[in-house]
Amino acid sequence: MKTSLICRIAAVVGVIALGLSFTLQPAYSATTNEVTLTGTLSCAHCQGIQPMHKGYTQFTWALHSVDLGDGIVLVSQNKVYTLEGDKSQLLPFMSAKARVTGHLDGDTLEVLSIHRYTAGE
């Protein structure tokens, strides 16, 4: 009788452990992909088409827009991706061409790394 009870408990614990191993996977593993995209960083309002404003360069206008609450986006091959990540890492690349690696979920890219793009890469 004790052996039967111990076997049942062991089976239940095994099933629970197996179930937890599937549930405790990182949230992005099943729904996102790691990708590297190249494009221009911009504020969400302008989306790469930044008009010239008196007293601003494209860079300073993009910074100004982000300071006012606009998000940061990557415009790559006529597609716009919302960037999520540390703004202090992203802001130096505003209005510049960059190569961004991250986890893509729909049109949102969680940034893992960003580098200035140079031709020939």
Protein backbone atom coordinates (compact mmCIF):
# COMPACT_ATOMS: atom_id res chain seq x y z
CA MET A 1 0.00 0.00 0.00
CA LYS A 2 2.81 2.43 0.85
CA THR A 3 4.59 1.66 -2.41
CA SER A 4 1.42 2.35 -4.40
CA LEU A 5 0.90 5.70 -2.65
CA ILE A 6 4.52 6.70 -3.19
CA CYS A 7 4.25 5.81 -6.90
CA ARG A 8 1.11 7.92 -7.26
CA ILE A 9 2.71 10.90 -5.51
CA ALA A 10 5.82 10.55 -7.67
CA ALA A 11 3.66 10.45 -10.81
CA VAL A 12 1.71 13.55 -9.77
CA VAL A 13 4.91 15.45 -8.92
CA GLY A 14 6.39 14.43 -12.27
CA VAL A 15 3.34 15.68 -14.18
CA ILE A 16 3.38 18.98 -12.27
CA ALA A 17 7.11 19.45 -12.90
CA LEU A 18 6.64 18.74 -16.60
CA GLY A 19 3.72 21.18 -16.80
CA LEU A 20 5.73 23.90 -15.06
CA SER A 21 8.64 23.49 -17.44
CA PHE A 22 6.32 24.40 -20.34
CA THR A 23 4.61 27.27 -18.53
CA LEU A 24 7.76 28.93 -17.22
CA GLN A 25 9.30 29.49 -20.65
CA PRO A 26 10.13 33.14 -21.45
CA ALA A 27 7.06 34.98 -22.72
CA TYR A 28 8.68 35.91 -26.04
CA SER A 29 9.96 32.45 -26.97
CA ALA A 30 6.76 31.23 -28.59
CA THR A 31 5.49 34.50 -30.09
CA THR A 32 8.54 36.47 -31.15
CA ASN A 33 11.59 36.06 -33.30
CA GLU A 34 15.06 37.51 -32.97
CA VAL A 35 15.72 39.61 -36.06
CA THR A 36 18.18 42.20 -37.30
CA LEU A 37 16.71 45.13 -39.24
CA THR A 38 18.35 48.09 -40.90
CA GLY A 39 16.59 51.41 -41.20
CA THR A 40 16.26 54.98 -39.99
CA LEU A 41 15.28 55.84 -36.42
CA SER A 42 12.63 58.50 -36.11
CA CYS A 43 9.94 59.78 -33.80
CA ALA A 44 6.60 57.99 -34.10
CA HIS A 45 4.88 61.18 -35.29
CA CYS A 46 7.16 61.79 -38.29
CA GLN A 47 7.90 58.14 -39.09
CA GLY A 48 10.99 59.00 -41.11
CA ILE A 49 9.46 61.90 -43.02
CA GLN A 50 10.71 64.71 -40.85
CA PRO A 51 9.83 68.16 -42.16
CA MET A 52 12.38 70.88 -41.58
CA HIS A 53 11.37 73.14 -38.71
CA LYS A 54 12.95 76.53 -38.24
CA GLY A 55 15.77 76.32 -35.71
CA TYR A 56 15.90 72.49 -35.74
CA THR A 57 17.88 69.84 -37.57
CA GLN A 58 16.22 66.48 -38.26
CA PHE A 59 18.12 65.09 -35.25
CA THR A 60 17.12 67.85 -32.82
CA TRP A 61 13.49 67.80 -34.01
CA ALA A 62 13.30 64.03 -33.47
CA LEU A 63 14.77 64.47 -29.97
CA HIS A 64 12.28 67.27 -29.27
CA SER A 65 9.36 65.09 -30.40
CA VAL A 66 10.46 62.19 -28.20
CA ASP A 67 10.82 64.58 -25.27
CA LEU A 68 7.18 65.59 -25.85
CA GLY A 69 6.11 61.94 -25.60
CA ASP A 70 6.42 60.49 -29.09
CA GLY A 71 7.72 56.94 -29.31
CA ILE A 72 10.81 55.90 -31.23
CA VAL A 73 10.34 53.93 -34.43
CA LEU A 74 12.52 52.23 -37.01
CA VAL A 75 11.55 52.82 -40.63
CA SER A 76 12.82 49.89 -42.66
CA GLN A 77 11.82 49.21 -46.27
CA ASN A 78 8.58 51.23 -46.04
CA LYS A 79 7.56 49.43 -42.84
CA VAL A 80 7.48 51.06 -39.41
CA TYR A 81 8.49 49.18 -36.25
CA THR A 82 7.90 50.57 -32.76
CA LEU A 83 11.09 50.26 -30.73
CA GLU A 84 11.04 49.27 -27.08
CA GLY A 85 14.17 49.57 -25.01
CA ASP A 86 16.47 51.92 -23.16
CA LYS A 87 15.90 55.40 -24.61
CA SER A 88 19.41 56.48 -23.62
CA GLN A 89 20.73 53.81 -26.02
CA LEU A 90 18.30 54.71 -28.82
CA LEU A 91 18.39 58.54 -28.77
CA PRO A 92 21.94 58.90 -30.18
CA PHE A 93 20.72 57.15 -33.34
CA MET A 94 17.73 59.42 -34.01
CA SER A 95 17.42 60.38 -37.70
CA ALA A 96 20.38 58.11 -38.51
CA LYS A 97 20.58 54.80 -40.30
CA ALA A 98 21.14 51.95 -37.84
CA ARG A 99 21.18 48.19 -37.60
CA VAL A 100 18.90 47.00 -34.78
CA THR A 101 18.74 43.48 -33.35
CA GLY A 102 15.89 42.42 -31.10
CA HIS A 103 12.82 40.32 -30.48
CA LEU A 104 10.07 41.08 -32.99
CA ASP A 105 6.44 40.73 -31.95
CA GLY A 106 4.15 42.02 -34.69
CA ASP A 107 5.32 45.57 -35.40
CA THR A 108 7.08 45.99 -32.04
CA LEU A 109 10.80 45.37 -31.75
CA GLU A 110 12.28 44.90 -28.27
CA VAL A 111 15.82 46.19 -28.83
CA LEU A 112 18.73 44.02 -27.73
CA SER A 113 21.49 45.91 -29.57
CA ILE A 114 21.85 48.83 -31.93
CA HIS A 115 24.76 49.92 -34.12
CA ARG A 116 25.30 52.67 -36.64
CA TYR A 117 24.90 51.30 -40.15
CA THR A 118 27.71 51.77 -42.63
CA ALA A 119 27.45 50.81 -46.28
CA GLY A 120 28.93 47.47 -47.14
CA GLU A 121 27.86 45.64 -43.98
